[in-house]
Amino acid sequence: MENVLEIKNLCKKYDHFELKNVSFSLPKGMIMGFIGENGAGKTTTIKAILNIIQSYSGEIKIFGFDNRAHDKEIKEEIGVVLDDMFFPEILTPNDINKAMEGIYKNWDTKMFHAYLKEFSLLPNKQIKTFSKGMRKKLEIATSLSHHPKLLLLDEPTSGLDPVARAEIIQILQNIIEKEECSILFSSHITADLEQIADYITFIHNGEIILSKATNELLDKYGIVKCSEKEFKEIDKKDYLKYKKSKYEYEVLVPNKKEFKTKYTISVIDKITLDDLMVLMIKGEEE
């Protein structure tokens, strides 16, 4: 399968944080959820992809080209929504349309106004009158209206109410169906990613912990709940992390089916991405 984005051994060092050999790839036409706690390195990675930060080592290829050597051409084909992105509040959507016409060769005014209508955004209203959800929809409309082949979304649903979040998730699903587009979707709201992501890449303390198909994670991984006696009978090779509570052990296993064939423990719960993050970050290893 062709990859739209390939990152190999990306390293970036700050005084109190470091990206360490970050490597993953995003196949064409797919949505990848990029998860991790706040400060794990999600935004730093996205800014490296965009050359907002440049003093890093490693290789980043977009559409098969080095992102530093072909920065201008690549950015023509990328749509971006950053968590700290903003438009001046005195502008209107019409003002943004005029500005973008001069930036992107493929800017589509008709498409932009279609999104404004779909999102119920008045083209002559100043942005300062928009709610947070409306501003985020405007950012998404802007990022989509030059027919990008890759969308980089950093917390696009953060701080939004459930209705606005659901609308944006539906929009992204429609984009994947209608356009030849791939999406890297960074979020700490993992329930959104469970609905939409084909792949999940998990970063912790600047390192990639795992990068797998979403259905593999949610279908194969599980949480075994057992007593201390039962836990001591489990081979260390058959689990990843565990957490001890007052009454039981919660054990993260990478393959529920194989575990069931080997052990008599009957309680194996389905896993959520939240469960996975908590156990991988806070869980213990023997």
Protein backbone atom coordinates (compact mmCIF):
# COMPACT_ATOMS: atom_id res chain seq x y z
CA MET A 1 0.00 0.00 0.00
CA GLU A 2 1.30 3.44 -0.96
CA ASN A 3 2.23 5.72 1.93
CA VAL A 4 1.34 9.41 1.87
CA LEU A 5 3.49 10.18 4.92
CA GLU A 6 6.63 8.39 6.10
CA ILE A 7 8.61 9.38 9.20
CA LYS A 8 11.88 7.61 10.02
CA ASN A 9 13.99 8.14 13.14
CA LEU A 10 12.75 11.69 13.81
CA CYS A 11 14.71 13.23 16.70
CA LYS A 12 14.36 16.69 18.22
CA LYS A 13 15.87 17.77 21.54
CA TYR A 14 14.72 20.56 23.84
CA ASP A 15 15.90 21.41 27.36
CA HIS A 16 13.16 19.36 29.05
CA PHE A 17 11.78 17.20 26.23
CA GLU A 18 13.01 15.03 23.40
CA LEU A 19 11.55 13.23 20.39
CA LYS A 20 13.41 9.93 20.19
CA ASN A 21 13.55 8.03 16.89
CA VAL A 22 9.90 8.63 16.03
CA SER A 23 8.95 6.40 13.08
CA PHE A 24 5.56 5.63 11.51
CA SER A 25 3.79 5.81 8.15
CA LEU A 26 0.31 6.80 6.97
CA PRO A 27 -1.13 4.83 4.02
CA LYS A 28 -2.97 6.67 1.27
CA GLY A 29 -6.70 7.19 1.80
CA MET A 30 -6.55 6.31 5.51
CA ILE A 31 -7.11 8.12 8.80
CA MET A 32 -4.48 7.72 11.51
CA GLY A 33 -5.27 8.66 15.09
CA PHE A 34 -2.21 10.10 16.84
CA ILE A 35 -2.61 9.66 20.59
CA GLY A 36 -0.67 10.38 23.75
CA GLU A 37 -0.99 12.45 26.90
CA ASN A 38 -0.47 16.21 26.78
CA GLY A 39 3.22 16.94 26.21
CA ALA A 40 3.94 13.51 24.73
CA GLY A 41 5.22 14.93 21.43
CA LYS A 42 2.18 14.97 19.12
CA THR A 43 2.30 18.68 18.28
CA THR A 44 6.11 18.70 17.99
CA THR A 45 5.91 15.87 15.47
CA ILE A 46 3.27 17.66 13.41
CA LYS A 47 5.29 20.89 13.45
CA ALA A 48 8.32 18.96 12.21
CA ILE A 49 6.23 17.55 9.36
CA LEU A 50 5.27 21.12 8.46
CA ASN A 51 8.83 22.48 8.83
CA ILE A 52 7.63 24.88 11.53
CA ILE A 53 10.56 23.46 13.47
CA GLN A 54 13.55 22.58 11.33
CA SER A 55 16.54 21.70 13.51
CA TYR A 56 15.74 17.99 13.78
CA SER A 57 17.37 14.82 12.55
CA GLY A 58 15.70 11.97 10.72
CA GLU A 59 13.70 11.70 7.54
CA ILE A 60 10.19 12.91 6.70
CA LYS A 61 8.72 12.09 3.31
CA ILE A 62 5.37 13.38 2.07
CA PHE A 63 3.98 12.04 -1.21
CA GLY A 64 7.38 10.37 -1.61
CA PHE A 65 9.35 13.64 -1.42
CA ASP A 66 11.64 14.99 1.31
CA ASN A 67 9.59 17.59 3.18
CA ARG A 68 12.49 20.02 3.54
CA ALA A 69 13.67 19.86 -0.07
CA HIS A 70 10.16 20.21 -1.50
CA ASP A 71 8.50 22.35 1.18
CA LYS A 72 6.60 24.76 -1.10
CA GLU A 73 5.22 22.13 -3.48
CA ILE A 74 4.20 19.83 -0.62
CA LYS A 75 2.36 22.55 1.31
CA GLU A 76 0.21 23.21 -1.76
CA GLU A 77 -1.23 19.73 -1.18
CA ILE A 78 -1.63 19.85 2.64
CA GLY A 79 -4.51 21.11 4.76
CA VAL A 80 -3.74 22.02 8.36
CA VAL A 81 -5.68 22.66 11.56
CA LEU A 82 -3.43 23.31 14.56
CA ASP A 83 -4.55 23.53 18.18
CA ASP A 84 -3.03 27.02 18.48
CA MET A 85 -4.14 28.14 15.03
CA PHE A 86 -6.24 31.27 14.74
CA PHE A 87 -7.49 33.91 12.31
CA PRO A 88 -7.55 37.62 13.24
CA GLU A 89 -10.94 38.26 14.83
CA ILE A 90 -11.70 41.32 12.71
CA LEU A 91 -11.72 39.22 9.53
CA THR A 92 -14.79 37.62 7.96
CA PRO A 93 -14.92 34.32 6.03
CA ASN A 94 -15.10 36.41 2.86
CA ASP A 95 -11.82 38.09 3.84
CA ILE A 96 -10.24 34.67 4.38
CA ASN A 97 -11.46 33.52 0.99
CA LYS A 98 -9.78 36.48 -0.72
CA ALA A 99 -6.52 35.87 1.15
CA MET A 100 -6.46 32.17 0.34
CA GLU A 101 -7.06 32.81 -3.36
CA GLY A 102 -3.63 34.43 -3.40
CA ILE A 103 -1.94 31.62 -1.45
CA TYR A 104 -3.16 28.34 -2.98
CA LYS A 105 -3.15 27.65 -6.72
CA ASN A 106 -5.99 25.14 -6.26
CA TRP A 107 -8.12 27.31 -3.96
CA ASP A 108 -11.80 26.56 -4.65
CA THR A 109 -14.05 29.50 -3.74
CA LYS A 110 -17.17 27.53 -4.63
CA MET A 111 -16.16 24.71 -2.30
CA PHE A 112 -15.30 27.14 0.52
CA HIS A 113 -18.72 28.78 0.33
CA ALA A 114 -20.38 25.36 0.18
CA TYR A 115 -18.64 24.46 3.46
CA LEU A 116 -19.68 27.80 4.98
CA LYS A 117 -23.28 26.99 4.11
CA GLU A 118 -22.99 23.42 5.42
CA PHE A 119 -21.50 24.69 8.70
CA SER A 120 -24.01 27.58 9.00
CA LEU A 121 -21.22 30.17 8.96
CA LEU A 122 -22.23 33.59 7.65
CA PRO A 123 -19.63 34.83 5.14
CA ASN A 124 -19.89 38.51 6.14
CA LYS A 125 -19.78 38.02 9.92
CA GLN A 126 -16.58 38.88 11.79
CA ILE A 127 -14.83 35.93 13.42
CA LYS A 128 -15.05 37.61 16.83
CA THR A 129 -18.80 36.88 16.78
CA PHE A 130 -18.20 33.12 16.27
CA SER A 131 -18.30 30.51 19.02
CA LYS A 132 -15.32 28.19 19.53
CA GLY A 133 -17.08 25.46 17.60
CA MET A 134 -17.83 27.82 14.71
CA ARG A 135 -14.20 28.98 14.60
CA LYS A 136 -12.99 25.38 14.47
CA LYS A 137 -15.41 24.64 11.62
CA LEU A 138 -14.09 27.71 9.79
CA GLU A 139 -10.53 26.42 10.20
CA ILE A 140 -11.57 23.03 8.83
CA ALA A 141 -13.46 24.61 5.91
CA THR A 142 -10.34 26.65 5.10
CA SER A 143 -8.05 23.63 5.32
CA LEU A 144 -10.25 21.64 2.93
CA SER A 145 -10.98 24.18 0.22
CA HIS A 146 -7.86 23.70 -1.87
CA HIS A 147 -8.44 19.95 -2.35
CA PRO A 148 -5.57 18.76 -0.10
CA LYS A 149 -4.20 15.25 -0.43
CA LEU A 150 -3.13 15.21 3.24
CA LEU A 151 -4.84 16.71 6.28
CA LEU A 152 -2.86 17.34 9.47
CA LEU A 153 -5.25 17.92 12.35
CA ASP A 154 -3.96 18.77 15.83
CA GLU A 155 -6.77 18.53 18.41
CA PRO A 156 -9.52 19.64 15.98
CA THR A 157 -12.30 18.66 18.40
CA SER A 158 -10.68 19.86 21.65
CA GLY A 159 -12.98 22.01 23.78
CA LEU A 160 -16.02 21.43 21.57
CA ASP A 161 -19.40 20.21 22.80
CA PRO A 162 -20.48 16.68 21.80
CA VAL A 163 -22.78 17.92 19.01
CA ALA A 164 -20.03 20.00 17.37
CA ARG A 165 -17.55 17.13 17.76
CA ALA A 166 -19.96 14.70 16.11
CA GLU A 167 -20.46 17.12 13.20
CA ILE A 168 -16.72 17.41 12.61
CA ILE A 169 -16.23 13.63 12.79
CA GLN A 170 -18.96 13.19 10.18
CA ILE A 171 -17.33 15.82 7.97
CA LEU A 172 -14.00 14.00 8.09
CA GLN A 173 -15.65 10.67 7.28
CA ASN A 174 -17.34 12.28 4.27
CA ILE A 175 -14.02 13.73 3.09
CA ILE A 176 -12.35 10.34 3.10
CA GLU A 177 -15.24 8.91 1.08
CA LYS A 178 -15.40 11.76 -1.47
CA GLU A 179 -11.82 12.98 -1.84
CA GLU A 180 -8.46 11.34 -2.43
CA CYS A 181 -7.29 12.47 0.98
CA SER A 182 -5.42 11.01 3.96
CA ILE A 183 -5.67 12.33 7.52
CA LEU A 184 -3.32 12.44 10.51
CA PHE A 185 -5.65 13.22 13.40
CA SER A 186 -3.96 14.09 16.70
CA SER A 187 -6.31 14.03 19.67
CA HIS A 188 -6.55 13.15 23.35
CA ILE A 189 -10.31 12.55 22.89
CA THR A 190 -9.85 8.91 22.02
CA ALA A 191 -13.58 8.15 21.64
CA ASP A 192 -13.52 10.28 18.47
CA LEU A 193 -10.67 8.22 17.06
CA GLU A 194 -12.36 4.91 17.83
CA GLN A 195 -15.15 6.00 15.47
CA ILE A 196 -13.03 7.24 12.60
CA ALA A 197 -9.40 6.08 12.62
CA ASP A 198 -8.09 3.21 10.49
CA TYR A 199 -4.77 3.22 12.38
CA ILE A 200 -3.59 4.34 15.81
CA THR A 201 -0.10 5.60 16.60
CA PHE A 202 0.65 6.05 20.30
CA ILE A 203 3.44 8.35 21.47
CA HIS A 204 4.66 8.63 25.07
CA ASN A 205 7.53 10.78 26.36
CA GLY A 206 8.64 11.44 22.80
CA GLU A 207 8.77 7.77 21.77
CA ILE A 208 6.37 5.69 19.68
CA ILE A 209 4.96 2.91 21.83
CA LEU A 210 2.88 1.29 19.10
CA SER A 211 1.45 1.92 15.64
CA LYS A 212 -1.25 -0.54 14.56
CA ALA A 213 -4.57 -0.91 12.78
CA THR A 214 -7.41 0.28 15.04
CA ASN A 215 -9.44 -2.90 14.63
CA GLU A 216 -6.41 -4.98 15.63
CA LEU A 217 -6.05 -3.01 18.83
CA LEU A 218 -9.73 -2.96 19.77
CA ASP A 219 -10.48 -6.55 18.68
CA LYS A 220 -7.34 -8.40 19.77
CA TYR A 221 -6.18 -6.53 22.87
CA GLY A 222 -8.06 -7.00 26.12
CA ILE A 223 -8.04 -6.45 29.88
CA VAL A 224 -7.93 -9.53 32.06
CA LYS A 225 -9.42 -9.06 35.53
CA CYS A 226 -8.16 -11.57 38.00
CA SER A 227 -7.09 -12.32 41.57
CA GLU A 228 -3.51 -12.08 42.80
CA LYS A 229 -3.24 -15.87 42.75
CA GLU A 230 -4.41 -16.01 39.12
CA PHE A 231 -2.10 -13.16 38.15
CA LYS A 232 0.94 -15.00 39.50
CA GLU A 233 0.12 -17.91 37.20
CA ILE A 234 0.26 -15.77 34.05
CA ASP A 235 3.47 -15.99 32.04
CA LYS A 236 5.16 -12.60 31.68
CA LYS A 237 5.32 -13.13 27.92
CA ASP A 238 1.52 -13.14 27.71
CA TYR A 239 0.84 -9.61 28.94
CA LEU A 240 2.16 -6.09 28.41
CA LYS A 241 1.31 -4.16 31.59
CA TYR A 242 -0.76 -4.62 34.73
CA LYS A 243 -2.38 -2.48 37.39
CA LYS A 244 -3.18 -3.63 40.92
CA SER A 245 -6.23 -2.34 42.75
CA LYS A 246 -7.55 -3.15 46.21
CA TYR A 247 -9.57 -6.15 45.07
CA GLU A 248 -8.12 -7.34 41.74
CA TYR A 249 -5.50 -7.08 39.03
CA GLU A 250 -6.14 -5.51 35.61
CA VAL A 251 -3.81 -7.05 33.05
CA LEU A 252 -3.31 -5.77 29.49
CA VAL A 253 -2.99 -8.68 27.05
CA PRO A 254 -2.18 -8.29 23.32
CA ASN A 255 -4.24 -11.28 22.16
CA LYS A 256 -7.48 -12.22 23.94
CA LYS A 257 -8.07 -15.32 21.84
CA GLU A 258 -4.66 -16.84 22.51
CA PHE A 259 -4.94 -15.96 26.20
CA LYS A 260 -8.27 -17.79 26.50
CA THR A 261 -6.80 -20.95 25.00
CA LYS A 262 -3.95 -20.96 27.53
CA TYR A 263 -5.62 -19.88 30.76
CA THR A 264 -8.89 -20.62 32.57
CA ILE A 265 -9.45 -16.98 33.58
CA SER A 266 -12.85 -16.13 32.11
CA VAL A 267 -13.14 -12.36 32.63
CA ILE A 268 -11.51 -10.56 29.68
CA ASP A 269 -12.98 -7.14 28.95
CA LYS A 270 -12.93 -5.30 25.65
CA ILE A 271 -10.45 -2.46 25.57
CA THR A 272 -10.89 1.20 24.73
CA LEU A 273 -8.12 3.53 23.61
CA ASP A 274 -8.43 5.28 26.98
CA ASP A 275 -7.85 1.93 28.74
CA LEU A 276 -4.85 1.28 26.51
CA MET A 277 -3.29 4.66 27.24
CA VAL A 278 -3.81 4.43 31.00
CA LEU A 279 -2.41 0.92 31.31
CA MET A 280 0.53 1.51 28.97
CA ILE A 281 1.50 4.72 30.76
CA LYS A 282 0.54 3.97 34.38
CA GLY A 283 0.72 0.19 34.39
CA GLU A 284 3.59 -1.82 35.81
CA GLU A 285 5.85 -4.47 34.29
CA GLU A 286 7.36 -7.46 36.03
